[in-house]
Amino acid sequence: MRSVFFILAVLALSSSRSWAWLDDPAMAASVIESTRTISGGVVKSVSWADPTKETKSEIVVTDPSRKTTHVVITGTTTLWGADDKAIMPDKIRPRARVNVIYFTTPEGINIGQSVKVLK
C-alpha cells in the first residue's frame, strides 16, 4: 500500500513540475527551444487569464501565410502599441494587426516575448 501511495505522489509532483516554467520566467528562459517571429499577423482571438478556472492568457494569431499560432501571454511578455509605447492587454483585440516574437518550449508551448500592435 505504501508503494502505491509513493508512486502516486511521485507522479503528482512530476506532472506539476512540468508546468512550473509558466509561472517562473527564470525557469522558462532555461527551457527555450527556439525563438520565432510573426510579422504582420492578425489576431484571431484573445482570452485573458482567469485564476478561478486556472486558465492562462493567450492570443491566437494568423500569419500572412494563413497559419494559426497560439501564443501564451505571461507577466514578462512586453506589449507595445504602434507608437512604441507600452500598452495594457485590453488594447490587443481580435482583427488587430500585430508583430509577435515568441519562443517554443520543448513541450511545444509558444510563450510570447513581445507583442506589438501595428497601425
PDB file of N, CA and C in Angstrom:
ATOM      1  N   MET A   1       0.823  -1.198   0.000  1.00  0.00           N
ATOM      2  CA  MET A   1       0.000   0.000   0.000  1.00  0.00           C
ATOM      3  C   MET A   1       0.866   1.261   0.000  1.00  0.00           C
ATOM      4  N   ARG A   2       1.952   1.250   0.778  1.00  0.00           N
ATOM      5  CA  ARG A   2       2.839   2.399   0.826  1.00  0.00           C
ATOM      6  C   ARG A   2       3.470   2.662  -0.538  1.00  0.00           C
ATOM      7  N   SER A   3       3.831   1.606  -1.237  1.00  0.00           N
ATOM      8  CA  SER A   3       4.477   1.786  -2.545  1.00  0.00           C
ATOM      9  C   SER A   3       3.517   2.413  -3.552  1.00  0.00           C
ATOM     10  N   VAL A   4       2.242   2.058  -3.489  1.00  0.00           N
ATOM     11  CA  VAL A   4       1.245   2.657  -4.381  1.00  0.00           C
ATOM     12  C   VAL A   4       1.108   4.145  -4.077  1.00  0.00           C
ATOM     13  N   PHE A   5       1.038   4.495  -2.810  1.00  0.00           N
ATOM     14  CA  PHE A   5       0.938   5.899  -2.418  1.00  0.00           C
ATOM     15  C   PHE A   5       2.184   6.663  -2.855  1.00  0.00           C
ATOM     16  N   PHE A   6       3.355   6.066  -2.663  1.00  0.00           N
ATOM     17  CA  PHE A   6       4.608   6.701  -3.053  1.00  0.00           C
ATOM     18  C   PHE A   6       4.640   6.950  -4.562  1.00  0.00           C
ATOM     19  N   ILE A   7       4.233   5.990  -5.340  1.00  0.00           N
ATOM     20  CA  ILE A   7       4.218   6.127  -6.800  1.00  0.00           C
ATOM     21  C   ILE A   7       3.253   7.233  -7.216  1.00  0.00           C
ATOM     22  N   LEU A   8       2.079   7.278  -6.611  1.00  0.00           N
ATOM     23  CA  LEU A   8       1.110   8.329  -6.931  1.00  0.00           C
ATOM     24  C   LEU A   8       1.653   9.709  -6.551  1.00  0.00           C
ATOM     25  N   ALA A   9       2.335   9.808  -5.425  1.00  0.00           N
ATOM     26  CA  ALA A   9       2.912  11.086  -5.003  1.00  0.00           C
ATOM     27  C   ALA A   9       4.000  11.535  -5.970  1.00  0.00           C
ATOM     28  N   VAL A  10       4.840  10.627  -6.414  1.00  0.00           N
ATOM     29  CA  VAL A  10       5.900  10.965  -7.369  1.00  0.00           C
ATOM     30  C   VAL A  10       5.294  11.426  -8.692  1.00  0.00           C
ATOM     31  N   LEU A  11       4.271  10.736  -9.170  1.00  0.00           N
ATOM     32  CA  LEU A  11       3.602  11.138 -10.417  1.00  0.00           C
ATOM     33  C   LEU A  11       2.975  12.516 -10.294  1.00  0.00           C
ATOM     34  N   ALA A  12       2.352  12.796  -9.172  1.00  0.00           N
ATOM     35  CA  ALA A  12       1.722  14.107  -8.971  1.00  0.00           C
ATOM     36  C   ALA A  12       2.772  15.208  -8.958  1.00  0.00           C
ATOM     37  N   LEU A  13       3.875  14.997  -8.297  1.00  0.00           N
ATOM     38  CA  LEU A  13       4.933  16.002  -8.245  1.00  0.00           C
ATOM     39  C   LEU A  13       5.578  16.207  -9.613  1.00  0.00           C
ATOM     40  N   SER A  14       5.806  15.142 -10.332  1.00  0.00           N
ATOM     41  CA  SER A  14       6.464  15.287 -11.636  1.00  0.00           C
ATOM     42  C   SER A  14       5.561  15.985 -12.636  1.00  0.00           C
ATOM     43  N   SER A  15       4.259  15.757 -12.587  1.00  0.00           N
ATOM     44  CA  SER A  15       3.364  16.438 -13.533  1.00  0.00           C
ATOM     45  C   SER A  15       3.216  17.915 -13.193  1.00  0.00           C
ATOM     46  N   SER A  16       3.240  18.271 -11.910  1.00  0.00           N
ATOM     47  CA  SER A  16       3.119  19.684 -11.546  1.00  0.00           C
ATOM     48  C   SER A  16       4.393  20.448 -11.881  1.00  0.00           C
ATOM     49  N   ARG A  17       5.560  19.795 -11.848  1.00  0.00           N
ATOM     50  CA  ARG A  17       6.818  20.457 -12.170  1.00  0.00           C
ATOM     51  C   ARG A  17       6.922  20.778 -13.648  1.00  0.00           C
ATOM     52  N   SER A  18       6.266  20.013 -14.524  1.00  0.00           N
ATOM     53  CA  SER A  18       6.398  20.250 -15.956  1.00  0.00           C
ATOM     54  C   SER A  18       5.774  21.578 -16.382  1.00  0.00           C
ATOM     55  N   TRP A  19       4.851  22.119 -15.604  1.00  0.00           N
ATOM     56  CA  TRP A  19       4.213  23.399 -15.937  1.00  0.00           C
ATOM     57  C   TRP A  19       4.776  24.548 -15.110  1.00  0.00           C
ATOM     58  N   ALA A  20       5.737  24.270 -14.243  1.00  0.00           N
ATOM     59  CA  ALA A  20       6.262  25.299 -13.348  1.00  0.00           C
ATOM     60  C   ALA A  20       6.892  26.454 -14.105  1.00  0.00           C
ATOM     61  N   TRP A  21       7.476  26.205 -15.259  1.00  0.00           N
ATOM     62  CA  TRP A  21       8.152  27.257 -16.015  1.00  0.00           C
ATOM     63  C   TRP A  21       7.190  28.343 -16.466  1.00  0.00           C
ATOM     64  N   LEU A  22       5.884  28.037 -16.570  1.00  0.00           N
ATOM     65  CA  LEU A  22       4.919  29.065 -16.964  1.00  0.00           C
ATOM     66  C   LEU A  22       4.817  30.161 -15.905  1.00  0.00           C
ATOM     67  N   ASP A  23       5.059  29.817 -14.656  1.00  0.00           N
ATOM     68  CA  ASP A  23       4.960  30.785 -13.576  1.00  0.00           C
ATOM     69  C   ASP A  23       6.319  31.355 -13.175  1.00  0.00           C
ATOM     70  N   ASP A  24       7.405  30.801 -13.689  1.00  0.00           N
ATOM     71  CA  ASP A  24       8.741  31.228 -13.309  1.00  0.00           C
ATOM     72  C   ASP A  24       9.546  31.597 -14.547  1.00  0.00           C
ATOM     73  N   PRO A  25       9.660  32.906 -14.865  1.00  0.00           N
ATOM     74  CA  PRO A  25      10.369  33.333 -16.073  1.00  0.00           C
ATOM     75  C   PRO A  25      11.816  32.855 -16.136  1.00  0.00           C
ATOM     76  N   ALA A  26      12.488  32.761 -14.978  1.00  0.00           N
ATOM     77  CA  ALA A  26      13.875  32.293 -14.992  1.00  0.00           C
ATOM     78  C   ALA A  26      13.941  30.841 -15.453  1.00  0.00           C
ATOM     79  N   MET A  27      12.986  30.047 -15.013  1.00  0.00           N
ATOM     80  CA  MET A  27      12.946  28.660 -15.443  1.00  0.00           C
ATOM     81  C   MET A  27      12.567  28.578 -16.919  1.00  0.00           C
ATOM     82  N   ALA A  28      11.658  29.440 -17.351  1.00  0.00           N
ATOM     83  CA  ALA A  28      11.250  29.445 -18.755  1.00  0.00           C
ATOM     84  C   ALA A  28      12.431  29.751 -19.660  1.00  0.00           C
ATOM     85  N   ALA A  29      13.295  30.670 -19.227  1.00  0.00           N
ATOM     86  CA  ALA A  29      14.456  31.035 -20.041  1.00  0.00           C
ATOM     87  C   ALA A  29      15.407  29.859 -20.208  1.00  0.00           C
ATOM     88  N   SER A  30      15.398  28.933 -19.283  1.00  0.00           N
ATOM     89  CA  SER A  30      16.322  27.808 -19.364  1.00  0.00           C
ATOM     90  C   SER A  30      15.805  26.677 -20.237  1.00  0.00           C
ATOM     91  N   VAL A  31      14.540  26.733 -20.660  1.00  0.00           N
ATOM     92  CA  VAL A  31      13.985  25.638 -21.464  1.00  0.00           C
ATOM     93  C   VAL A  31      13.596  26.090 -22.869  1.00  0.00           C
ATOM     94  N   ILE A  32      14.122  27.212 -23.319  1.00  0.00           N
ATOM     95  CA  ILE A  32      13.791  27.718 -24.649  1.00  0.00           C
ATOM     96  C   ILE A  32      14.316  26.765 -25.703  1.00  0.00           C
ATOM     97  N   GLU A  33      13.432  26.388 -26.613  1.00  0.00           N
ATOM     98  CA  GLU A  33      13.846  25.532 -27.721  1.00  0.00           C
ATOM     99  C   GLU A  33      14.212  26.367 -28.935  1.00  0.00           C
ATOM    100  N   SER A  34      13.355  27.319 -29.297  1.00  0.00           N
ATOM    101  CA  SER A  34      13.638  28.175 -30.446  1.00  0.00           C
ATOM    102  C   SER A  34      12.817  29.451 -30.350  1.00  0.00           C
ATOM    103  N   THR A  35      13.350  30.538 -30.919  1.00  0.00           N
ATOM    104  CA  THR A  35      12.634  31.806 -30.954  1.00  0.00           C
ATOM    105  C   THR A  35      12.086  31.999 -32.360  1.00  0.00           C
ATOM    106  N   ARG A  36      10.854  32.473 -32.455  1.00  0.00           N
ATOM    107  CA  ARG A  36      10.201  32.671 -33.741  1.00  0.00           C
ATOM    108  C   ARG A  36       9.535  34.034 -33.782  1.00  0.00           C
ATOM    109  N   THR A  37       9.232  34.485 -35.008  1.00  0.00           N
ATOM    110  CA  THR A  37       8.602  35.784 -35.204  1.00  0.00           C
ATOM    111  C   THR A  37       7.436  35.655 -36.177  1.00  0.00           C
ATOM    112  N   ILE A  38       6.351  36.359 -35.863  1.00  0.00           N
ATOM    113  CA  ILE A  38       5.234  36.518 -36.795  1.00  0.00           C
ATOM    114  C   ILE A  38       5.168  38.002 -37.116  1.00  0.00           C
ATOM    115  N   SER A  39       5.383  38.358 -38.380  1.00  0.00           N
ATOM    116  CA  SER A  39       5.326  39.767 -38.797  1.00  0.00           C
ATOM    117  C   SER A  39       4.050  40.009 -39.572  1.00  0.00           C
ATOM    118  N   GLY A  40       3.306  41.017 -39.172  1.00  0.00           N
ATOM    119  CA  GLY A  40       2.077  41.369 -39.872  1.00  0.00           C
ATOM    120  C   GLY A  40       0.964  40.353 -39.713  1.00  0.00           C
ATOM    121  N   GLY A  41       0.930  39.694 -38.564  1.00  0.00           N
ATOM    122  CA  GLY A  41      -0.140  38.741 -38.294  1.00  0.00           C
ATOM    123  C   GLY A  41      -1.423  39.454 -37.889  1.00  0.00           C
ATOM    124  N   VAL A  42      -2.514  38.696 -37.885  1.00  0.00           N
ATOM    125  CA  VAL A  42      -3.816  39.239 -37.478  1.00  0.00           C
ATOM    126  C   VAL A  42      -4.314  38.430 -36.283  1.00  0.00           C
ATOM    127  N   VAL A  43      -4.720  39.142 -35.227  1.00  0.00           N
ATOM    128  CA  VAL A  43      -5.230  38.469 -34.033  1.00  0.00           C
ATOM    129  C   VAL A  43      -6.585  37.855 -34.359  1.00  0.00           C
ATOM    130  N   LYS A  44      -6.667  36.547 -34.184  1.00  0.00           N
ATOM    131  CA  LYS A  44      -7.916  35.831 -34.440  1.00  0.00           C
ATOM    132  C   LYS A  44      -8.794  35.826 -33.184  1.00  0.00           C
ATOM    133  N   SER A  45      -8.160  35.596 -32.024  1.00  0.00           N
ATOM    134  CA  SER A  45      -8.911  35.626 -30.768  1.00  0.00           C
ATOM    135  C   SER A  45      -7.982  35.963 -29.613  1.00  0.00           C
ATOM    136  N   VAL A  46      -8.596  36.427 -28.526  1.00  0.00           N
ATOM    137  CA  VAL A  46      -7.876  36.817 -27.318  1.00  0.00           C
ATOM    138  C   VAL A  46      -8.616  36.231 -26.130  1.00  0.00           C
ATOM    139  N   SER A  47      -7.885  35.610 -25.220  1.00  0.00           N
ATOM    140  CA  SER A  47      -8.502  35.165 -23.967  1.00  0.00           C
ATOM    141  C   SER A  47      -7.538  35.480 -22.842  1.00  0.00           C
ATOM    142  N   TRP A  48      -8.053  36.153 -21.813  1.00  0.00           N
ATOM    143  CA  TRP A  48      -7.203  36.566 -20.707  1.00  0.00           C
ATOM    144  C   TRP A  48      -7.350  35.612 -19.545  1.00  0.00           C
ATOM    145  N   ALA A  49      -6.348  35.558 -18.709  1.00  0.00           N
ATOM    146  CA  ALA A  49      -6.289  34.606 -17.602  1.00  0.00           C
ATOM    147  C   ALA A  49      -7.493  34.728 -16.682  1.00  0.00           C
ATOM    148  N   ASP A  50      -7.916  33.578 -16.184  1.00  0.00           N
ATOM    149  CA  ASP A  50      -8.976  33.524 -15.188  1.00  0.00           C
ATOM    150  C   ASP A  50      -8.509  32.575 -14.080  1.00  0.00           C
ATOM    151  N   PRO A  51      -8.019  33.139 -12.971  1.00  0.00           N
ATOM    152  CA  PRO A  51      -7.472  32.290 -11.907  1.00  0.00           C
ATOM    153  C   PRO A  51      -8.476  31.272 -11.363  1.00  0.00           C
ATOM    154  N   THR A  52      -9.757  31.606 -11.379  1.00  0.00           N
ATOM    155  CA  THR A  52     -10.748  30.664 -10.856  1.00  0.00           C
ATOM    156  C   THR A  52     -10.874  29.430 -11.745  1.00  0.00           C
ATOM    157  N   LYS A  53     -10.597  29.589 -13.031  1.00  0.00           N
ATOM    158  CA  LYS A  53     -10.653  28.458 -13.965  1.00  0.00           C
ATOM    159  C   LYS A  53      -9.270  27.902 -14.276  1.00  0.00           C
ATOM    160  N   GLU A  54      -8.234  28.508 -13.651  1.00  0.00           N
ATOM    161  CA  GLU A  54      -6.842  28.112 -13.860  1.00  0.00           C
ATOM    162  C   GLU A  54      -6.442  28.167 -15.338  1.00  0.00           C
ATOM    163  N   THR A  55      -6.877  29.227 -16.023  1.00  0.00           N
ATOM    164  CA  THR A  55      -6.503  29.400 -17.425  1.00  0.00           C
ATOM    165  C   THR A  55      -5.423  30.458 -17.546  1.00  0.00           C
ATOM    166  N   LYS A  56      -4.642  30.377 -18.611  1.00  0.00           N
ATOM    167  CA  LYS A  56      -3.578  31.341 -18.896  1.00  0.00           C
ATOM    168  C   LYS A  56      -4.070  32.325 -19.950  1.00  0.00           C
ATOM    169  N   SER A  57      -3.409  33.478 -20.030  1.00  0.00           N
ATOM    170  CA  SER A  57      -3.712  34.448 -21.080  1.00  0.00           C
ATOM    171  C   SER A  57      -3.140  33.932 -22.398  1.00  0.00           C
ATOM    172  N   GLU A  58      -3.903  34.097 -23.469  1.00  0.00           N
ATOM    173  CA  GLU A  58      -3.467  33.563 -24.755  1.00  0.00           C
ATOM    174  C   GLU A  58      -4.049  34.382 -25.897  1.00  0.00           C
ATOM    175  N   ILE A  59      -3.256  34.567 -26.951  1.00  0.00           N
ATOM    176  CA  ILE A  59      -3.775  35.127 -28.191  1.00  0.00           C
ATOM    177  C   ILE A  59      -3.563  34.103 -29.290  1.00  0.00           C
ATOM    178  N   VAL A  60      -4.448  34.119 -30.260  1.00  0.00           N
ATOM    179  CA  VAL A  60      -4.318  33.264 -31.437  1.00  0.00           C
ATOM    180  C   VAL A  60      -4.089  34.200 -32.605  1.00  0.00           C
ATOM    181  N   VAL A  61      -2.965  34.001 -33.302  1.00  0.00           N
ATOM    182  CA  VAL A  61      -2.563  34.899 -34.389  1.00  0.00           C
ATOM    183  C   VAL A  61      -2.480  34.108 -35.695  1.00  0.00           C
ATOM    184  N   THR A  62      -3.041  34.694 -36.755  1.00  0.00           N
ATOM    185  CA  THR A  62      -2.928  34.117 -38.089  1.00  0.00           C
ATOM    186  C   THR A  62      -1.871  34.899 -38.844  1.00  0.00           C
ATOM    187  N   ASP A  63      -0.837  34.201 -39.321  1.00  0.00           N
ATOM    188  CA  ASP A  63       0.240  34.893 -40.041  1.00  0.00           C
ATOM    189  C   ASP A  63      -0.157  35.111 -41.504  1.00  0.00           C
ATOM    190  N   PRO A  64       0.638  35.869 -42.268  1.00  0.00           N
ATOM    191  CA  PRO A  64       0.285  36.154 -43.663  1.00  0.00           C
ATOM    192  C   PRO A  64       0.111  34.907 -44.542  1.00  0.00           C
ATOM    193  N   SER A  65       0.741  33.789 -44.159  1.00  0.00           N
ATOM    194  CA  SER A  65       0.557  32.558 -44.936  1.00  0.00           C
ATOM    195  C   SER A  65      -0.648  31.747 -44.448  1.00  0.00           C
ATOM    196  N   ARG A  66      -1.450  32.354 -43.577  1.00  0.00           N
ATOM    197  CA  ARG A  66      -2.693  31.792 -43.019  1.00  0.00           C
ATOM    198  C   ARG A  66      -2.478  30.646 -42.032  1.00  0.00           C
ATOM    199  N   LYS A  67      -1.295  30.565 -41.463  1.00  0.00           N
ATOM    200  CA  LYS A  67      -1.019  29.593 -40.410  1.00  0.00           C
ATOM    201  C   LYS A  67      -1.441  30.205 -39.078  1.00  0.00           C
ATOM    202  N   THR A  68      -2.162  29.451 -38.270  1.00  0.00           N
ATOM    203  CA  THR A  68      -2.646  29.921 -36.978  1.00  0.00           C
ATOM    204  C   THR A  68      -1.703  29.450 -35.872  1.00  0.00           C
ATOM    205  N   THR A  69      -1.346  30.375 -34.967  1.00  0.00           N
ATOM    206  CA  THR A  69      -0.437  30.067 -33.865  1.00  0.00           C
ATOM    207  C   THR A  69      -1.040  30.552 -32.555  1.00  0.00           C
ATOM    208  N   HIS A  70      -1.051  29.676 -31.551  1.00  0.00           N
ATOM    209  CA  HIS A  70      -1.493  30.043 -30.204  1.00  0.00           C
ATOM    210  C   HIS A  70      -0.271  30.505 -29.422  1.00  0.00           C
ATOM    211  N   VAL A  71      -0.350  31.670 -28.770  1.00  0.00           N
ATOM    212  CA  VAL A  71       0.770  32.219 -28.013  1.00  0.00           C
ATOM    213  C   VAL A  71       0.288  32.560 -26.605  1.00  0.00           C
ATOM    214  N   VAL A  72       0.950  31.989 -25.589  1.00  0.00           N
ATOM    215  CA  VAL A  72       0.629  32.285 -24.195  1.00  0.00           C
ATOM    216  C   VAL A  72       1.275  33.613 -23.818  1.00  0.00           C
ATOM    217  N   ILE A  73       0.491  34.487 -23.194  1.00  0.00           N
ATOM    218  CA  ILE A  73       0.971  35.791 -22.738  1.00  0.00           C
ATOM    219  C   ILE A  73       1.224  35.685 -21.240  1.00  0.00           C
ATOM    220  N   THR A  74       2.451  35.985 -20.818  1.00  0.00           N
ATOM    221  CA  THR A  74       2.814  35.889 -19.402  1.00  0.00           C
ATOM    222  C   THR A  74       3.062  37.288 -18.835  1.00  0.00           C
ATOM    223  N   GLY A  75       3.396  37.346 -17.578  1.00  0.00           N
ATOM    224  CA  GLY A  75       3.706  38.623 -16.937  1.00  0.00           C
ATOM    225  C   GLY A  75       4.978  39.266 -17.472  1.00  0.00           C
ATOM    226  N   THR A  76       5.819  38.488 -18.139  1.00  0.00           N
ATOM    227  CA  THR A  76       7.060  39.032 -18.695  1.00  0.00           C
ATOM    228  C   THR A  76       6.957  39.352 -20.178  1.00  0.00           C
ATOM    229  N   THR A  77       5.818  39.097 -20.789  1.00  0.00           N
ATOM    230  CA  THR A  77       5.622  39.436 -22.201  1.00  0.00           C
ATOM    231  C   THR A  77       5.464  40.946 -22.315  1.00  0.00           C
ATOM    232  N   THR A  78       6.247  41.592 -23.184  1.00  0.00           N
ATOM    233  CA  THR A  78       6.115  43.037 -23.373  1.00  0.00           C
ATOM    234  C   THR A  78       5.056  43.309 -24.425  1.00  0.00           C
ATOM    235  N   LEU A  79       4.208  44.282 -24.155  1.00  0.00           N
ATOM    236  CA  LEU A  79       3.115  44.647 -25.057  1.00  0.00           C
ATOM    237  C   LEU A  79       3.332  46.083 -25.508  1.00  0.00           C
ATOM    238  N   TRP A  80       3.379  46.299 -26.831  1.00  0.00           N
ATOM    239  CA  TRP A  80       3.685  47.611 -27.400  1.00  0.00           C
ATOM    240  C   TRP A  80       2.595  48.062 -28.347  1.00  0.00           C
ATOM    241  N   GLY A  81       2.365  49.383 -28.365  1.00  0.00           N
ATOM    242  CA  GLY A  81       1.447  49.982 -29.324  1.00  0.00           C
ATOM    243  C   GLY A  81       2.207  50.394 -30.575  1.00  0.00           C
ATOM    244  N   ALA A  82       1.485  50.896 -31.559  1.00  0.00           N
ATOM    245  CA  ALA A  82       2.091  51.336 -32.819  1.00  0.00           C
ATOM    246  C   ALA A  82       3.044  52.508 -32.605  1.00  0.00           C
ATOM    247  N   ASP A  83       2.834  53.258 -31.507  1.00  0.00           N
ATOM    248  CA  ASP A  83       3.692  54.407 -31.207  1.00  0.00           C
ATOM    249  C   ASP A  83       4.912  54.023 -30.362  1.00  0.00           C
ATOM    250  N   ASP A  84       5.184  52.725 -30.263  1.00  0.00           N
ATOM    251  CA  ASP A  84       6.323  52.191 -29.498  1.00  0.00           C
ATOM    252  C   ASP A  84       6.252  52.484 -28.009  1.00  0.00           C
ATOM    253  N   LYS A  85       5.048  52.667 -27.496  1.00  0.00           N
ATOM    254  CA  LYS A  85       4.851  52.843 -26.059  1.00  0.00           C
ATOM    255  C   LYS A  85       4.156  51.604 -25.510  1.00  0.00           C
ATOM    256  N   ALA A  86       4.435  51.314 -24.254  1.00  0.00           N
ATOM    257  CA  ALA A  86       3.815  50.162 -23.610  1.00  0.00           C
ATOM    258  C   ALA A  86       2.295  50.324 -23.580  1.00  0.00           C
ATOM    259  N   ILE A  87       1.585  49.216 -23.747  1.00  0.00           N
ATOM    260  CA  ILE A  87       0.118  49.240 -23.721  1.00  0.00           C
ATOM    261  C   ILE A  87      -0.394  48.221 -22.709  1.00  0.00           C
ATOM    262  N   MET A  88      -1.638  48.372 -22.352  1.00  0.00           N
ATOM    263  CA  MET A  88      -2.310  47.417 -21.480  1.00  0.00           C
ATOM    264  C   MET A  88      -2.864  46.283 -22.342  1.00  0.00           C
ATOM    265  N   PRO A  89      -3.056  45.110 -21.765  1.00  0.00           N
ATOM    266  CA  PRO A  89      -3.539  43.967 -22.548  1.00  0.00           C
ATOM    267  C   PRO A  89      -4.869  44.199 -23.264  1.00  0.00           C
ATOM    268  N   ASP A  90      -5.740  45.054 -22.712  1.00  0.00           N
ATOM    269  CA  ASP A  90      -7.048  45.259 -23.346  1.00  0.00           C
ATOM    270  C   ASP A  90      -6.944  45.943 -24.712  1.00  0.00           C
ATOM    271  N   LYS A  91      -5.770  46.468 -25.054  1.00  0.00           N
ATOM    272  CA  LYS A  91      -5.571  47.098 -26.368  1.00  0.00           C
ATOM    273  C   LYS A  91      -5.347  46.067 -27.475  1.00  0.00           C
ATOM    274  N   ILE A  92      -5.117  44.823 -27.092  1.00  0.00           N
ATOM    275  CA  ILE A  92      -4.967  43.756 -28.087  1.00  0.00           C
ATOM    276  C   ILE A  92      -6.343  43.150 -28.307  1.00  0.00           C
ATOM    277  N   ARG A  93      -6.855  43.357 -29.496  1.00  0.00           N
ATOM    278  CA  ARG A  93      -8.224  42.927 -29.806  1.00  0.00           C
ATOM    279  C   ARG A  93      -8.244  42.074 -31.061  1.00  0.00           C
ATOM    280  N   PRO A  94      -9.288  41.264 -31.232  1.00  0.00           N
ATOM    281  CA  PRO A  94      -9.405  40.498 -32.476  1.00  0.00           C
ATOM    282  C   PRO A  94      -9.383  41.430 -33.691  1.00  0.00           C
ATOM    283  N   ARG A  95      -8.789  40.957 -34.756  1.00  0.00           N
ATOM    284  CA  ARG A  95      -8.621  41.642 -36.041  1.00  0.00           C
ATOM    285  C   ARG A  95      -7.526  42.706 -36.024  1.00  0.00           C
ATOM    286  N   ALA A  96      -6.809  42.863 -34.903  1.00  0.00           N
ATOM    287  CA  ALA A  96      -5.691  43.802 -34.858  1.00  0.00           C
ATOM    288  C   ALA A  96      -4.494  43.178 -35.583  1.00  0.00           C
ATOM    289  N   ARG A  97      -3.739  44.009 -36.298  1.00  0.00           N
ATOM    290  CA  ARG A  97      -2.502  43.545 -36.928  1.00  0.00           C
ATOM    291  C   ARG A  97      -1.382  43.640 -35.909  1.00  0.00           C
ATOM    292  N   VAL A  98      -0.573  42.574 -35.817  1.00  0.00           N
ATOM    293  CA  VAL A  98       0.473  42.518 -34.792  1.00  0.00           C
ATOM    294  C   VAL A  98       1.761  41.886 -35.316  1.00  0.00           C
ATOM    295  N   ASN A  99       2.856  42.238 -34.652  1.00  0.00           N
ATOM    296  CA  ASN A  99       4.117  41.516 -34.777  1.00  0.00           C
ATOM    297  C   ASN A  99       4.308  40.793 -33.451  1.00  0.00           C
ATOM    298  N   VAL A 100       4.642  39.505 -33.511  1.00  0.00           N
ATOM    299  CA  VAL A 100       4.799  38.712 -32.293  1.00  0.00           C
ATOM    300  C   VAL A 100       6.158  38.018 -32.314  1.00  0.00           C
ATOM    301  N   ILE A 101       6.885  38.126 -31.209  1.00  0.00           N
ATOM    302  CA  ILE A 101       8.109  37.361 -31.014  1.00  0.00           C
ATOM    303  C   ILE A 101       7.810  36.387 -29.881  1.00  0.00           C
ATOM    304  N   TYR A 102       8.064  35.113 -30.122  1.00  0.00           N
ATOM    305  CA  TYR A 102       7.768  34.106 -29.113  1.00  0.00           C
ATOM    306  C   TYR A 102       8.800  32.986 -29.182  1.00  0.00           C
ATOM    307  N   PHE A 103       8.858  32.197 -28.124  1.00  0.00           N
ATOM    308  CA  PHE A 103       9.710  31.011 -28.149  1.00  0.00           C
ATOM    309  C   PHE A 103       8.853  29.788 -27.912  1.00  0.00           C
ATOM    310  N   THR A 104       9.340  28.677 -28.378  1.00  0.00           N
ATOM    311  CA  THR A 104       8.625  27.418 -28.239  1.00  0.00           C
ATOM    312  C   THR A 104       9.390  26.531 -27.267  1.00  0.00           C
ATOM    313  N   THR A 105       8.698  26.020 -26.271  1.00  0.00           N
ATOM    314  CA  THR A 105       9.320  25.141 -25.283  1.00  0.00           C
ATOM    315  C   THR A 105       9.463  23.742 -25.870  1.00  0.00           C
ATOM    316  N   PRO A 106      10.250  22.898 -25.235  1.00  0.00           N
ATOM    317  CA  PRO A 106      10.358  21.510 -25.703  1.00  0.00           C
ATOM    318  C   PRO A 106       9.013  20.775 -25.718  1.00  0.00           C
ATOM    319  N   GLU A 107       8.077  21.242 -24.879  1.00  0.00           N
ATOM    320  CA  GLU A 107       6.746  20.627 -24.854  1.00  0.00           C
ATOM    321  C   GLU A 107       5.852  21.127 -25.989  1.00  0.00           C
ATOM    322  N   GLY A 108       6.340  22.124 -26.753  1.00  0.00           N
ATOM    323  CA  GLY A 108       5.579  22.642 -27.885  1.00  0.00           C
ATOM    324  C   GLY A 108       4.666  23.809 -27.552  1.00  0.00           C
ATOM    325  N   ILE A 109       4.855  24.430 -26.396  1.00  0.00           N
ATOM    326  CA  ILE A 109       4.024  25.567 -25.996  1.00  0.00           C
ATOM    327  C   ILE A 109       4.716  26.858 -26.408  1.00  0.00           C
ATOM    328  N   ASN A 110       3.982  27.747 -27.060  1.00  0.00           N
ATOM    329  CA  ASN A 110       4.527  29.026 -27.525  1.00  0.00           C
ATOM    330  C   ASN A 110       4.322  30.085 -26.449  1.00  0.00           C
ATOM    331  N   ILE A 111       5.431  30.682 -25.979  1.00  0.00           N
ATOM    332  CA  ILE A 111       5.392  31.693 -24.932  1.00  0.00           C
ATOM    333  C   ILE A 111       5.789  33.035 -25.539  1.00  0.00           C
ATOM    334  N   GLY A 112       4.921  34.027 -25.421  1.00  0.00           N
ATOM    335  CA  GLY A 112       5.184  35.339 -26.002  1.00  0.00           C
ATOM    336  C   GLY A 112       6.283  36.088 -25.290  1.00  0.00           C
ATOM    337  N   GLN A 113       7.207  36.668 -26.060  1.00  0.00           N
ATOM    338  CA  GLN A 113       8.217  37.561 -25.501  1.00  0.00           C
ATOM    339  C   GLN A 113       7.809  39.006 -25.738  1.00  0.00           C
ATOM    340  N   SER A 114       7.227  39.279 -26.927  1.00  0.00           N
ATOM    341  CA  SER A 114       6.837  40.636 -27.282  1.00  0.00           C
ATOM    342  C   SER A 114       5.665  40.599 -28.257  1.00  0.00           C
ATOM    343  N   VAL A 115       4.710  41.499 -28.049  1.00  0.00           N
ATOM    344  CA  VAL A 115       3.587  41.665 -28.973  1.00  0.00           C
ATOM    345  C   VAL A 115       3.500  43.159 -29.283  1.00  0.00           C
ATOM    346  N   LYS A 116       3.555  43.504 -30.560  1.00  0.00           N
ATOM    347  CA  LYS A 116       3.424  44.906 -30.949  1.00  0.00           C
ATOM    348  C   LYS A 116       2.200  45.050 -31.852  1.00  0.00           C
ATOM    349  N   VAL A 117       1.280  45.916 -31.439  1.00  0.00           N
ATOM    350  CA  VAL A 117       0.085  46.192 -32.244  1.00  0.00           C
ATOM    351  C   VAL A 117       0.484  47.203 -33.322  1.00  0.00           C
ATOM    352  N   LEU A 118       0.170  46.898 -34.568  1.00  0.00           N
ATOM    353  CA  LEU A 118       0.520  47.759 -35.691  1.00  0.00           C
ATOM    354  C   LEU A 118      -0.649  48.666 -36.049  1.00  0.00           C
ATOM    355  N   LYS A 119      -0.367  49.709 -36.833  1.00  0.00           N
ATOM    356  CA  LYS A 119      -1.445  50.626 -37.273  1.00  0.00           C
ATOM    357  C   LYS A 119      -2.356  49.931 -38.249  1.00  0.00           C
TER     358      LYS A 119
END
